[in-house]
C-alpha cells in the first residue's frame, strides 16, 4: 500500500515508518517539526531514517537515502492547501494520523495550540479522507480520554465524557469527529487509545525520559502524588505491532465502519517500582522530590484489551524490565553523540 504517516518525525511515527517500510509499503511521512521539545531529536530521527536535515524544505518531497520507499515532507496538518495538494498528488490507500500537540500539563499552559493541531488539523485529515476516498483512516487517540472514569481496567465500552485536561478533550473530540465522518461518508476509521508509550527515540517530555536524564545528570526527580501512581507503560515495539495490525484490519461495521481499540500493557506498574528498575539499568540512585498530584493527572491507568485481543489478535509481549533495559541502552548511546 501507499500509506501517509503524519507526525513521522515524532516518537511513534518514526518507529511506525521503519516497520511499514520493512513490510514493503511505500510511505510518505509529514511533520511540522515544531519546537514543543528539542527539534534536534526530531531531526536525528529523520537522519536515522536516511533523511538529511539540510535537504528538508517546507513543502518539498525528500527521498530517504537508506529506505527506498520512504519520502518525507515538512508540512503542517493545519495547512489545508498544502495537505490538499499532497493528497491529490499521492493518492494514498491508507492514512495513519499520529501528528498532534501532545502533553497533558502543556495543554493547561498553551491551550490554543491544541485546538489548532488536534482539532483543526484533524478536521483537514477527515475532509481529505472523504474527498479522496481513503480506504482506511487510523488515528491516535489516548488513554487520557478516560479522565475521571473509575472503572478499572479502562474498557472501550466505558463512558468517556469526563476528561480532565484539554489534551484529553481534544482526543475525545477526535473520536467523535471520526465517528461522524465515518457514518456520513462511509469512511472506515480506527481509533487507537495508547497507554503511556515508552522506548528508544522517545519524547523527552515524558516522565521515563525525564527521569533517566535527571538521574544520569545527578539531578533530583519530581515524583507526583507522593509516588502513589500506577501507569500501564507500553513498550514501543508492542505499540507498533498493534498499529500495523489495526491498519490491516479495515472495519466493515454497518451502518458505520468505525472502531476503537485500547493498546496498553494491561498491567499497571507502580511508579516507584518503575523508577527502581530505571535506577538499576542506569547504575545510579535517583534523588527524589515528592509532590502532590498535578492538575490533569490521574492516579492509575490500566487498559482492558479483551476487545483488542479478539479483533486484532494483539497483546503486548515486552516486560517492563526488558523494555526499560532496551530504552536505557539507546539512551546511553544517544548521550554519547
C-alpha atoms as a PDB file:
ATOM      1  CA  UNK A   1       0.000   0.000   0.000  1.00  0.00           C
ATOM      2  CA  UNK A   2       0.888   3.660  -0.165  1.00  0.00           C
ATOM      3  CA  UNK A   3       0.446   4.982   3.353  1.00  0.00           C
ATOM      4  CA  UNK A   4       0.554   8.519   4.752  1.00  0.00           C
ATOM      5  CA  UNK A   5       2.046   8.723   8.259  1.00  0.00           C
ATOM      6  CA  UNK A   6       1.590  12.107   9.913  1.00  0.00           C
ATOM      7  CA  UNK A   7       3.933  13.020  12.732  1.00  0.00           C
ATOM      8  CA  UNK A   8       6.647  10.876  11.146  1.00  0.00           C
ATOM      9  CA  UNK A   9       9.466  12.770  12.892  1.00  0.00           C
ATOM     10  CA  UNK A  10       7.787  12.006  16.214  1.00  0.00           C
ATOM     11  CA  UNK A  11       8.422   9.110  18.571  1.00  0.00           C
ATOM     12  CA  UNK A  12       5.726   6.676  17.441  1.00  0.00           C
ATOM     13  CA  UNK A  13       5.678   7.913  13.843  1.00  0.00           C
ATOM     14  CA  UNK A  14       9.418   7.318  13.439  1.00  0.00           C
ATOM     15  CA  UNK A  15       9.115   3.705  14.586  1.00  0.00           C
ATOM     16  CA  UNK A  16       5.982   3.100  12.513  1.00  0.00           C
ATOM     17  CA  UNK A  17       7.670   4.315   9.313  1.00  0.00           C
ATOM     18  CA  UNK A  18      10.550   1.888   9.841  1.00  0.00           C
ATOM     19  CA  UNK A  19       8.157  -1.009  10.402  1.00  0.00           C
ATOM     20  CA  UNK A  20       5.955  -0.240   7.390  1.00  0.00           C
ATOM     21  CA  UNK A  21       8.982   0.050   5.130  1.00  0.00           C
ATOM     22  CA  UNK A  22      10.266  -3.313   6.361  1.00  0.00           C
ATOM     23  CA  UNK A  23       6.897  -4.796   5.365  1.00  0.00           C
ATOM     24  CA  UNK A  24       7.211  -3.474   1.808  1.00  0.00           C
ATOM     25  CA  UNK A  25       4.847  -0.492   1.900  1.00  0.00           C
ATOM     26  CA  UNK A  26       5.501   2.875   0.280  1.00  0.00           C
ATOM     27  CA  UNK A  27       5.384   5.559   2.973  1.00  0.00           C
ATOM     28  CA  UNK A  28       5.016   9.316   2.783  1.00  0.00           C
ATOM     29  CA  UNK A  29       5.767  10.965   6.116  1.00  0.00           C
ATOM     30  CA  UNK A  30       4.890  14.508   7.113  1.00  0.00           C
ATOM     31  CA  UNK A  31       5.729  16.548  10.210  1.00  0.00           C
ATOM     32  CA  UNK A  32       5.855  20.261  11.012  1.00  0.00           C
ATOM     33  CA  UNK A  33       8.943  19.810  13.257  1.00  0.00           C
ATOM     34  CA  UNK A  34       7.539  22.135  15.939  1.00  0.00           C
ATOM     35  CA  UNK A  35       9.583  23.116  18.975  1.00  0.00           C
ATOM     36  CA  UNK A  36       7.406  21.568  21.702  1.00  0.00           C
ATOM     37  CA  UNK A  37      10.570  19.654  22.555  1.00  0.00           C
ATOM     38  CA  UNK A  38      14.126  19.700  21.166  1.00  0.00           C
ATOM     39  CA  UNK A  39      13.865  19.654  17.373  1.00  0.00           C
ATOM     40  CA  UNK A  40      17.349  18.147  17.157  1.00  0.00           C
ATOM     41  CA  UNK A  41      15.902  14.853  18.372  1.00  0.00           C
ATOM     42  CA  UNK A  42      13.293  15.022  15.604  1.00  0.00           C
ATOM     43  CA  UNK A  43      15.965  15.707  13.006  1.00  0.00           C
ATOM     44  CA  UNK A  44      18.054  12.876  14.438  1.00  0.00           C
ATOM     45  CA  UNK A  45      15.117  10.519  13.951  1.00  0.00           C
ATOM     46  CA  UNK A  46      14.833  11.642  10.345  1.00  0.00           C
ATOM     47  CA  UNK A  47      18.566  11.286   9.882  1.00  0.00           C
ATOM     48  CA  UNK A  48      18.342   7.749  11.263  1.00  0.00           C
ATOM     49  CA  UNK A  49      15.704   7.112   8.582  1.00  0.00           C
ATOM     50  CA  UNK A  50      18.010   8.438   5.874  1.00  0.00           C
ATOM     51  CA  UNK A  51      16.585  11.955   5.597  1.00  0.00           C
ATOM     52  CA  UNK A  52      19.340  14.590   5.702  1.00  0.00           C
ATOM     53  CA  UNK A  53      18.448  17.756   7.651  1.00  0.00           C
ATOM     54  CA  UNK A  54      19.926  20.078   5.039  1.00  0.00           C
ATOM     55  CA  UNK A  55      17.591  18.607   2.400  1.00  0.00           C
ATOM     56  CA  UNK A  56      14.373  19.358   4.270  1.00  0.00           C
ATOM     57  CA  UNK A  57      12.481  22.370   2.989  1.00  0.00           C
ATOM     58  CA  UNK A  58       8.871  23.262   3.652  1.00  0.00           C
ATOM     59  CA  UNK A  59       6.507  21.513   1.257  1.00  0.00           C
ATOM     60  CA  UNK A  60       9.165  19.598  -0.691  1.00  0.00           C
ATOM     61  CA  UNK A  61       9.455  15.830  -1.025  1.00  0.00           C
ATOM     62  CA  UNK A  62      12.710  14.356   0.238  1.00  0.00           C
ATOM     63  CA  UNK A  63      13.553  10.723  -0.506  1.00  0.00           C
ATOM     64  CA  UNK A  64      15.279   8.681   2.150  1.00  0.00           C
ATOM     65  CA  UNK A  65      18.758   7.668   1.080  1.00  0.00           C
ATOM     66  CA  UNK A  66      18.590   4.460   3.088  1.00  0.00           C
ATOM     67  CA  UNK A  67      14.934   3.444   2.802  1.00  0.00           C
ATOM     68  CA  UNK A  68      13.983   3.431  -0.871  1.00  0.00           C
ATOM     69  CA  UNK A  69      10.248   3.736  -0.363  1.00  0.00           C
ATOM     70  CA  UNK A  70      10.131   6.491   2.249  1.00  0.00           C
ATOM     71  CA  UNK A  71       9.619  10.147   1.386  1.00  0.00           C
ATOM     72  CA  UNK A  72       9.424  12.986   3.903  1.00  0.00           C
ATOM     73  CA  UNK A  73       7.679  16.343   3.551  1.00  0.00           C
ATOM     74  CA  UNK A  74       7.854  19.131   6.108  1.00  0.00           C
ATOM     75  CA  UNK A  75       4.205  20.111   6.264  1.00  0.00           C
ATOM     76  CA  UNK A  76       1.688  21.177   8.894  1.00  0.00           C
ATOM     77  CA  UNK A  77      -1.715  19.481   9.192  1.00  0.00           C
ATOM     78  CA  UNK A  78      -3.354  22.898   9.508  1.00  0.00           C
ATOM     79  CA  UNK A  79      -2.091  23.942   6.058  1.00  0.00           C
ATOM     80  CA  UNK A  80      -5.164  22.843   4.131  1.00  0.00           C
ATOM     81  CA  UNK A  81      -3.898  23.879   0.699  1.00  0.00           C
ATOM     82  CA  UNK A  82      -0.624  22.052   1.228  1.00  0.00           C
ATOM     83  CA  UNK A  83      -2.445  18.974   2.507  1.00  0.00           C
ATOM     84  CA  UNK A  84      -4.909  19.074  -0.406  1.00  0.00           C
ATOM     85  CA  UNK A  85      -2.015  19.170  -2.867  1.00  0.00           C
ATOM     86  CA  UNK A  86      -0.354  16.244  -1.080  1.00  0.00           C
ATOM     87  CA  UNK A  87      -3.480  14.045  -1.114  1.00  0.00           C
ATOM     88  CA  UNK A  88      -4.197  14.915  -4.753  1.00  0.00           C
ATOM     89  CA  UNK A  89      -0.698  14.056  -5.918  1.00  0.00           C
ATOM     90  CA  UNK A  90      -0.092  10.919  -3.873  1.00  0.00           C
ATOM     91  CA  UNK A  91      -3.462   9.118  -3.894  1.00  0.00           C
ATOM     92  CA  UNK A  92      -2.935   7.265  -0.623  1.00  0.00           C
ATOM     93  CA  UNK A  93      -4.519   3.919   0.149  1.00  0.00           C
ATOM     94  CA  UNK A  94      -4.444   4.441   3.924  1.00  0.00           C
ATOM     95  CA  UNK A  95      -3.688   7.232   6.364  1.00  0.00           C
ATOM     96  CA  UNK A  96      -2.249   6.874   9.861  1.00  0.00           C
ATOM     97  CA  UNK A  97      -2.621  10.154  11.723  1.00  0.00           C
ATOM     98  CA  UNK A  98      -0.161  10.326  14.629  1.00  0.00           C
ATOM     99  CA  UNK A  99       0.503  14.072  14.453  1.00  0.00           C
ATOM    100  CA  UNK A 100      -0.853  16.014  17.402  1.00  0.00           C
ATOM    101  CA  UNK A 101       0.100  18.518  20.029  1.00  0.00           C
ATOM    102  CA  UNK A 102       0.919  16.173  22.900  1.00  0.00           C
ATOM    103  CA  UNK A 103       1.256  16.629  26.650  1.00  0.00           C
ATOM    104  CA  UNK A 104      -1.336  16.843  29.411  1.00  0.00           C
ATOM    105  CA  UNK A 105       0.311  19.560  31.509  1.00  0.00           C
ATOM    106  CA  UNK A 106       1.361  21.626  28.492  1.00  0.00           C
ATOM    107  CA  UNK A 107      -2.298  21.825  27.435  1.00  0.00           C
ATOM    108  CA  UNK A 108      -3.026  23.787  30.608  1.00  0.00           C
ATOM    109  CA  UNK A 109      -0.334  26.330  29.716  1.00  0.00           C
ATOM    110  CA  UNK A 110      -0.886  26.555  25.940  1.00  0.00           C
ATOM    111  CA  UNK A 111      -4.488  25.593  25.133  1.00  0.00           C
ATOM    112  CA  UNK A 112      -4.687  27.322  21.740  1.00  0.00           C
ATOM    113  CA  UNK A 113      -2.027  25.104  20.162  1.00  0.00           C
ATOM    114  CA  UNK A 114      -4.148  22.026  20.960  1.00  0.00           C
ATOM    115  CA  UNK A 115      -7.198  23.381  19.175  1.00  0.00           C
ATOM    116  CA  UNK A 116      -5.115  24.285  16.109  1.00  0.00           C
ATOM    117  CA  UNK A 117      -3.317  20.971  15.739  1.00  0.00           C
ATOM    118  CA  UNK A 118      -5.641  18.422  17.301  1.00  0.00           C
ATOM    119  CA  UNK A 119      -8.975  19.822  16.121  1.00  0.00           C
ATOM    120  CA  UNK A 120      -8.344  21.942  13.024  1.00  0.00           C
ATOM    121  CA  UNK A 121      -5.556  19.670  11.785  1.00  0.00           C
ATOM    122  CA  UNK A 122      -7.616  16.533  12.331  1.00  0.00           C
ATOM    123  CA  UNK A 123     -10.593  18.090  10.536  1.00  0.00           C
ATOM    124  CA  UNK A 124      -8.348  18.558   7.496  1.00  0.00           C
ATOM    125  CA  UNK A 125      -7.418  14.867   7.644  1.00  0.00           C
ATOM    126  CA  UNK A 126     -11.080  13.874   7.794  1.00  0.00           C
ATOM    127  CA  UNK A 127     -12.107  16.174   4.942  1.00  0.00           C
ATOM    128  CA  UNK A 128      -9.313  14.974   2.687  1.00  0.00           C
ATOM    129  CA  UNK A 129     -10.009  11.343   3.555  1.00  0.00           C
ATOM    130  CA  UNK A 130     -13.593  11.953   2.433  1.00  0.00           C
ATOM    131  CA  UNK A 131     -12.637  13.743  -0.788  1.00  0.00           C
ATOM    132  CA  UNK A 132     -10.017  11.194  -1.832  1.00  0.00           C
ATOM    133  CA  UNK A 133     -11.918   8.065  -0.776  1.00  0.00           C
ATOM    134  CA  UNK A 134      -9.254   6.819   1.619  1.00  0.00           C
ATOM    135  CA  UNK A 135      -9.704   3.089   2.162  1.00  0.00           C
ATOM    136  CA  UNK A 136      -8.797   3.244   5.865  1.00  0.00           C
ATOM    137  CA  UNK A 137      -8.025   6.044   8.299  1.00  0.00           C
ATOM    138  CA  UNK A 138      -6.221   5.067  11.504  1.00  0.00           C
ATOM    139  CA  UNK A 139      -5.615   7.766  14.110  1.00  0.00           C
ATOM    140  CA  UNK A 140      -4.023   8.127  17.537  1.00  0.00           C
ATOM    141  CA  UNK A 141      -6.295   8.695  20.473  1.00  0.00           C
ATOM    142  CA  UNK A 142      -5.138   8.426  24.082  1.00  0.00           C
ATOM    143  CA  UNK A 143      -5.834   6.718  27.389  1.00  0.00           C
ATOM    144  CA  UNK A 144      -6.303  10.245  28.753  1.00  0.00           C
ATOM    145  CA  UNK A 145      -9.855  10.242  27.334  1.00  0.00           C
ATOM    146  CA  UNK A 146     -10.893   8.033  30.277  1.00  0.00           C
ATOM    147  CA  UNK A 147     -10.467  11.036  32.594  1.00  0.00           C
ATOM    148  CA  UNK A 148     -12.420  10.548  35.803  1.00  0.00           C
ATOM    149  CA  UNK A 149     -13.578   7.073  34.822  1.00  0.00           C
ATOM    150  CA  UNK A 150     -13.391   4.930  37.969  1.00  0.00           C
ATOM    151  CA  UNK A 151     -13.822   1.526  36.319  1.00  0.00           C
ATOM    152  CA  UNK A 152     -10.606  -0.492  36.187  1.00  0.00           C
ATOM    153  CA  UNK A 153      -9.363  -1.682  33.823  1.00  0.00           C
ATOM    154  CA  UNK A 154     -10.439   1.002  31.325  1.00  0.00           C
ATOM    155  CA  UNK A 155     -12.657  -0.510  28.644  1.00  0.00           C
ATOM    156  CA  UNK A 156     -13.608   0.900  25.249  1.00  0.00           C
ATOM    157  CA  UNK A 157     -17.233   0.388  26.323  1.00  0.00           C
ATOM    158  CA  UNK A 158     -16.846   2.747  29.303  1.00  0.00           C
ATOM    159  CA  UNK A 159     -18.371   6.235  29.046  1.00  0.00           C
ATOM    160  CA  UNK A 160     -15.637   8.822  28.399  1.00  0.00           C
ATOM    161  CA  UNK A 161     -17.422  12.110  28.939  1.00  0.00           C
ATOM    162  CA  UNK A 162     -15.368  13.439  31.877  1.00  0.00           C
ATOM    163  CA  UNK A 163     -11.943  14.479  30.570  1.00  0.00           C
ATOM    164  CA  UNK A 164      -9.702  16.413  32.986  1.00  0.00           C
ATOM    165  CA  UNK A 165      -7.320  18.105  30.554  1.00  0.00           C
ATOM    166  CA  UNK A 166      -7.788  19.967  27.302  1.00  0.00           C
ATOM    167  CA  UNK A 167      -5.462  17.453  25.644  1.00  0.00           C
ATOM    168  CA  UNK A 168      -7.851  14.665  26.655  1.00  0.00           C
ATOM    169  CA  UNK A 169     -10.829  16.713  25.476  1.00  0.00           C
ATOM    170  CA  UNK A 170      -9.263  17.181  22.035  1.00  0.00           C
ATOM    171  CA  UNK A 171      -8.538  13.469  21.756  1.00  0.00           C
ATOM    172  CA  UNK A 172     -12.119  12.617  22.679  1.00  0.00           C
ATOM    173  CA  UNK A 173     -13.262  15.222  20.160  1.00  0.00           C
ATOM    174  CA  UNK A 174     -11.200  13.420  17.515  1.00  0.00           C
ATOM    175  CA  UNK A 175     -13.094  10.216  18.266  1.00  0.00           C
ATOM    176  CA  UNK A 176     -16.458  11.958  17.928  1.00  0.00           C
ATOM    177  CA  UNK A 177     -15.427  13.751  14.732  1.00  0.00           C
ATOM    178  CA  UNK A 178     -14.114  10.496  13.274  1.00  0.00           C
ATOM    179  CA  UNK A 179     -17.361   8.698  14.075  1.00  0.00           C
ATOM    180  CA  UNK A 180     -19.357  11.456  12.380  1.00  0.00           C
ATOM    181  CA  UNK A 181     -17.333  11.299   9.161  1.00  0.00           C
ATOM    182  CA  UNK A 182     -17.345   7.522   9.187  1.00  0.00           C
ATOM    183  CA  UNK A 183     -21.133   7.487   9.454  1.00  0.00           C
ATOM    184  CA  UNK A 184     -21.841  10.273   6.960  1.00  0.00           C
ATOM    185  CA  UNK A 185     -19.336   9.266   4.287  1.00  0.00           C
ATOM    186  CA  UNK A 186     -18.775   5.555   4.932  1.00  0.00           C
ATOM    187  CA  UNK A 187     -15.067   6.049   5.701  1.00  0.00           C
ATOM    188  CA  UNK A 188     -13.502   3.059   7.506  1.00  0.00           C
ATOM    189  CA  UNK A 189     -11.947   4.596  10.629  1.00  0.00           C
ATOM    190  CA  UNK A 190      -9.982   3.073  13.513  1.00  0.00           C
ATOM    191  CA  UNK A 191      -9.044   4.937  16.690  1.00  0.00           C
ATOM    192  CA  UNK A 192      -6.232   3.708  18.933  1.00  0.00           C
ATOM    193  CA  UNK A 193      -6.091   4.674  22.597  1.00  0.00           C
ATOM    194  CA  UNK A 194      -2.414   4.486  23.525  1.00  0.00           C
ATOM    195  CA  UNK A 195      -1.385   3.837  27.125  1.00  0.00           C
ATOM    196  CA  UNK A 196       1.884   5.529  28.224  1.00  0.00           C
ATOM    197  CA  UNK A 197       4.176   4.506  25.392  1.00  0.00           C
ATOM    198  CA  UNK A 198       7.905   4.317  26.161  1.00  0.00           C
ATOM    199  CA  UNK A 199      11.084   3.198  24.440  1.00  0.00           C
ATOM    200  CA  UNK A 200      14.064   4.281  22.340  1.00  0.00           C
ATOM    201  CA  UNK A 201      13.913   7.594  20.463  1.00  0.00           C
ATOM    202  CA  UNK A 202      11.129   8.632  22.849  1.00  0.00           C
ATOM    203  CA  UNK A 203       9.778  12.044  23.806  1.00  0.00           C
ATOM    204  CA  UNK A 204      11.958  13.893  26.338  1.00  0.00           C
ATOM    205  CA  UNK A 205       8.892  15.480  27.956  1.00  0.00           C
ATOM    206  CA  UNK A 206       7.620  12.093  29.134  1.00  0.00           C
ATOM    207  CA  UNK A 207       8.326  11.001  32.699  1.00  0.00           C
ATOM    208  CA  UNK A 208      10.528   7.982  31.984  1.00  0.00           C
ATOM    209  CA  UNK A 209      12.778  10.020  29.668  1.00  0.00           C
ATOM    210  CA  UNK A 210      12.967  12.952  32.085  1.00  0.00           C
ATOM    211  CA  UNK A 211      13.734  10.611  34.968  1.00  0.00           C
ATOM    212  CA  UNK A 212      16.527   8.929  33.016  1.00  0.00           C
ATOM    213  CA  UNK A 213      18.051  12.267  32.027  1.00  0.00           C
ATOM    214  CA  UNK A 214      17.909  13.695  35.551  1.00  0.00           C
ATOM    215  CA  UNK A 215      19.257  10.550  37.199  1.00  0.00           C
ATOM    216  CA  UNK A 216      22.039  10.403  34.604  1.00  0.00           C
ATOM    217  CA  UNK A 217      22.985  14.015  35.422  1.00  0.00           C
ATOM    218  CA  UNK A 218      22.694  13.512  39.217  1.00  0.00           C
ATOM    219  CA  UNK A 219      19.755  15.896  39.498  1.00  0.00           C
ATOM    220  CA  UNK A 220      16.605  15.365  41.603  1.00  0.00           C
ATOM    221  CA  UNK A 221      13.487  13.908  40.022  1.00  0.00           C
ATOM    222  CA  UNK A 222       9.959  15.086  40.874  1.00  0.00           C
ATOM    223  CA  UNK A 223       7.543  12.316  41.800  1.00  0.00           C
ATOM    224  CA  UNK A 224       3.919  13.361  41.787  1.00  0.00           C
ATOM    225  CA  UNK A 225       1.104  12.183  44.079  1.00  0.00           C
ATOM    226  CA  UNK A 226       3.866  11.253  46.532  1.00  0.00           C
ATOM    227  CA  UNK A 227       4.664   8.234  44.401  1.00  0.00           C
ATOM    228  CA  UNK A 228       1.161   6.758  44.592  1.00  0.00           C
ATOM    229  CA  UNK A 229       0.816   6.419  40.832  1.00  0.00           C
ATOM    230  CA  UNK A 230       0.336   3.422  38.576  1.00  0.00           C
ATOM    231  CA  UNK A 231       0.775   3.535  34.825  1.00  0.00           C
ATOM    232  CA  UNK A 232       0.100   0.996  32.114  1.00  0.00           C
ATOM    233  CA  UNK A 233       3.522   1.510  30.491  1.00  0.00           C
ATOM    234  CA  UNK A 234       3.520   0.007  26.982  1.00  0.00           C
ATOM    235  CA  UNK A 235       6.705  -0.667  25.031  1.00  0.00           C
ATOM    236  CA  UNK A 236       7.045   0.982  21.641  1.00  0.00           C
ATOM    237  CA  UNK A 237       7.592  -2.263  19.695  1.00  0.00           C
ATOM    238  CA  UNK A 238       4.324  -3.650  21.048  1.00  0.00           C
ATOM    239  CA  UNK A 239       2.510  -0.444  20.125  1.00  0.00           C
ATOM    240  CA  UNK A 240       3.895  -0.527  16.581  1.00  0.00           C
ATOM    241  CA  UNK A 241       2.791  -4.132  16.124  1.00  0.00           C
ATOM    242  CA  UNK A 242      -0.691  -3.083  17.250  1.00  0.00           C
ATOM    243  CA  UNK A 243      -0.828  -0.165  14.818  1.00  0.00           C
ATOM    244  CA  UNK A 244       0.195  -2.368  11.880  1.00  0.00           C
ATOM    245  CA  UNK A 245      -2.472  -4.919  12.774  1.00  0.00           C
ATOM    246  CA  UNK A 246      -5.015  -2.093  13.011  1.00  0.00           C
ATOM    247  CA  UNK A 247      -4.036  -0.707   9.588  1.00  0.00           C
ATOM    248  CA  UNK A 248      -4.604  -4.149   8.064  1.00  0.00           C
ATOM    249  CA  UNK A 249      -7.896  -4.690   9.923  1.00  0.00           C
ATOM    250  CA  UNK A 250     -10.292  -2.469   7.962  1.00  0.00           C
ATOM    251  CA  UNK A 251     -13.620  -2.148   9.825  1.00  0.00           C
ATOM    252  CA  UNK A 252     -16.705  -3.071   7.841  1.00  0.00           C
ATOM    253  CA  UNK A 253     -19.371  -2.467  10.510  1.00  0.00           C
ATOM    254  CA  UNK A 254     -22.660  -1.178   9.191  1.00  0.00           C
ATOM    255  CA  UNK A 255     -24.054   1.433   9.098  1.00  0.00           C
ATOM    256  CA  UNK A 256     -20.793   2.930  10.383  1.00  0.00           C
ATOM    257  CA  UNK A 257     -17.345   1.354   9.731  1.00  0.00           C
ATOM    258  CA  UNK A 258     -15.841   2.769  12.913  1.00  0.00           C
ATOM    259  CA  UNK A 259     -13.969   1.091  15.760  1.00  0.00           C
ATOM    260  CA  UNK A 260     -11.787   1.994  18.767  1.00  0.00           C
ATOM    261  CA  UNK A 261      -9.125  -0.195  20.395  1.00  0.00           C
ATOM    262  CA  UNK A 262      -7.085   0.082  23.566  1.00  0.00           C
ATOM    263  CA  UNK A 263      -3.365  -0.506  23.055  1.00  0.00           C
ATOM    264  CA  UNK A 264      -1.960  -0.934  26.545  1.00  0.00           C
ATOM    265  CA  UNK A 265       0.119  -3.312  28.598  1.00  0.00           C
ATOM    266  CA  UNK A 266      -2.864  -4.438  30.705  1.00  0.00           C
ATOM    267  CA  UNK A 267      -0.525  -4.499  33.707  1.00  0.00           C
ATOM    268  CA  UNK A 268      -0.073  -1.175  35.530  1.00  0.00           C
ATOM    269  CA  UNK A 269       3.295  -0.672  37.179  1.00  0.00           C
ATOM    270  CA  UNK A 270       3.838   1.228  40.415  1.00  0.00           C
ATOM    271  CA  UNK A 271       5.744   4.392  39.582  1.00  0.00           C
ATOM    272  CA  UNK A 272       8.288   3.772  42.327  1.00  0.00           C
ATOM    273  CA  UNK A 273       8.936   0.230  41.026  1.00  0.00           C
ATOM    274  CA  UNK A 274       9.369   1.676  37.542  1.00  0.00           C
ATOM    275  CA  UNK A 275      11.909   4.191  38.880  1.00  0.00           C
ATOM    276  CA  UNK A 276      13.741   1.418  40.742  1.00  0.00           C
ATOM    277  CA  UNK A 277      14.199  -0.561  37.503  1.00  0.00           C
ATOM    278  CA  UNK A 278      15.379   2.601  35.762  1.00  0.00           C
ATOM    279  CA  UNK A 279      17.916   3.209  38.557  1.00  0.00           C
ATOM    280  CA  UNK A 280      19.240  -0.332  38.268  1.00  0.00           C
ATOM    281  CA  UNK A 281      19.638  -0.091  34.495  1.00  0.00           C
ATOM    282  CA  UNK A 282      21.391   3.287  34.761  1.00  0.00           C
ATOM    283  CA  UNK A 283      23.524   2.138  37.682  1.00  0.00           C
ATOM    284  CA  UNK A 284      22.616   5.271  39.678  1.00  0.00           C
ATOM    285  CA  UNK A 285      20.243   6.123  42.506  1.00  0.00           C
ATOM    286  CA  UNK A 286      17.703   8.876  41.997  1.00  0.00           C
ATOM    287  CA  UNK A 287      17.439  11.922  44.217  1.00  0.00           C
ATOM    288  CA  UNK A 288      13.691  12.039  44.826  1.00  0.00           C
ATOM    289  CA  UNK A 289      11.430  15.020  45.492  1.00  0.00           C
ATOM    290  CA  UNK A 290       7.819  14.104  46.315  1.00  0.00           C
ATOM    291  CA  UNK A 291       4.985  16.395  45.204  1.00  0.00           C
ATOM    292  CA  UNK A 292       1.185  16.444  45.168  1.00  0.00           C
ATOM    293  CA  UNK A 293      -0.921  15.162  42.253  1.00  0.00           C
ATOM    294  CA  UNK A 294      -0.753  17.633  39.374  1.00  0.00           C
ATOM    295  CA  UNK A 295      -3.809  19.077  37.571  1.00  0.00           C
ATOM    296  CA  UNK A 296      -4.814  16.872  34.650  1.00  0.00           C
ATOM    297  CA  UNK A 297      -3.148  13.729  36.042  1.00  0.00           C
ATOM    298  CA  UNK A 298      -4.942  10.559  37.120  1.00  0.00           C
ATOM    299  CA  UNK A 299      -3.538   8.178  39.784  1.00  0.00           C
ATOM    300  CA  UNK A 300      -3.990   4.946  37.809  1.00  0.00           C
ATOM    301  CA  UNK A 301      -4.270   3.864  34.182  1.00  0.00           C
ATOM    302  CA  UNK A 302      -4.949   0.307  33.093  1.00  0.00           C
ATOM    303  CA  UNK A 303      -6.137  -0.970  29.728  1.00  0.00           C
ATOM    304  CA  UNK A 304      -8.757  -3.621  29.211  1.00  0.00           C
ATOM    305  CA  UNK A 305      -7.516  -5.212  25.975  1.00  0.00           C
ATOM    306  CA  UNK A 306     -10.042  -8.055  25.648  1.00  0.00           C
ATOM    307  CA  UNK A 307     -11.635  -6.477  22.571  1.00  0.00           C
ATOM    308  CA  UNK A 308      -8.226  -5.760  21.028  1.00  0.00           C
ATOM    309  CA  UNK A 309      -7.140  -9.359  21.571  1.00  0.00           C
ATOM    310  CA  UNK A 310     -10.321 -10.652  19.986  1.00  0.00           C
ATOM    311  CA  UNK A 311     -10.394  -8.378  16.930  1.00  0.00           C
ATOM    312  CA  UNK A 312      -6.717  -7.663  16.220  1.00  0.00           C
ATOM    313  CA  UNK A 313      -5.167 -10.798  17.760  1.00  0.00           C
ATOM    314  CA  UNK A 314      -2.803  -8.424  19.578  1.00  0.00           C
ATOM    315  CA  UNK A 315      -1.368  -8.361  23.045  1.00  0.00           C
ATOM    316  CA  UNK A 316       1.844  -6.875  24.482  1.00  0.00           C
ATOM    317  CA  UNK A 317       4.900  -9.113  24.724  1.00  0.00           C
ATOM    318  CA  UNK A 318       7.556  -6.933  26.394  1.00  0.00           C
ATOM    319  CA  UNK A 319       8.093  -6.886  30.165  1.00  0.00           C
ATOM    320  CA  UNK A 320       8.791  -3.573  31.859  1.00  0.00           C
ATOM    321  CA  UNK A 321      12.294  -4.774  32.764  1.00  0.00           C
ATOM    322  CA  UNK A 322      13.168  -5.728  29.187  1.00  0.00           C
ATOM    323  CA  UNK A 323      11.588  -2.567  27.807  1.00  0.00           C
ATOM    324  CA  UNK A 324      13.479  -0.256  30.148  1.00  0.00           C
ATOM    325  CA  UNK A 325      16.715  -2.136  29.520  1.00  0.00           C
ATOM    326  CA  UNK A 326      16.265  -1.512  25.792  1.00  0.00           C
ATOM    327  CA  UNK A 327      15.466   2.166  26.379  1.00  0.00           C
ATOM    328  CA  UNK A 328      18.461   2.766  28.658  1.00  0.00           C
ATOM    329  CA  UNK A 329      20.822   1.113  26.162  1.00  0.00           C
ATOM    330  CA  UNK A 330      19.622   3.522  23.481  1.00  0.00           C
ATOM    331  CA  UNK A 331      19.611   6.492  25.902  1.00  0.00           C
ATOM    332  CA  UNK A 332      23.222   5.983  26.968  1.00  0.00           C
ATOM    333  CA  UNK A 333      24.353   5.532  23.375  1.00  0.00           C
ATOM    334  CA  UNK A 334      22.462   8.644  22.259  1.00  0.00           C
ATOM    335  CA  UNK A 335      24.031  10.660  25.096  1.00  0.00           C
ATOM    336  CA  UNK A 336      27.469   9.941  23.669  1.00  0.00           C
ATOM    337  CA  UNK A 337      26.685  11.855  20.484  1.00  0.00           C
END
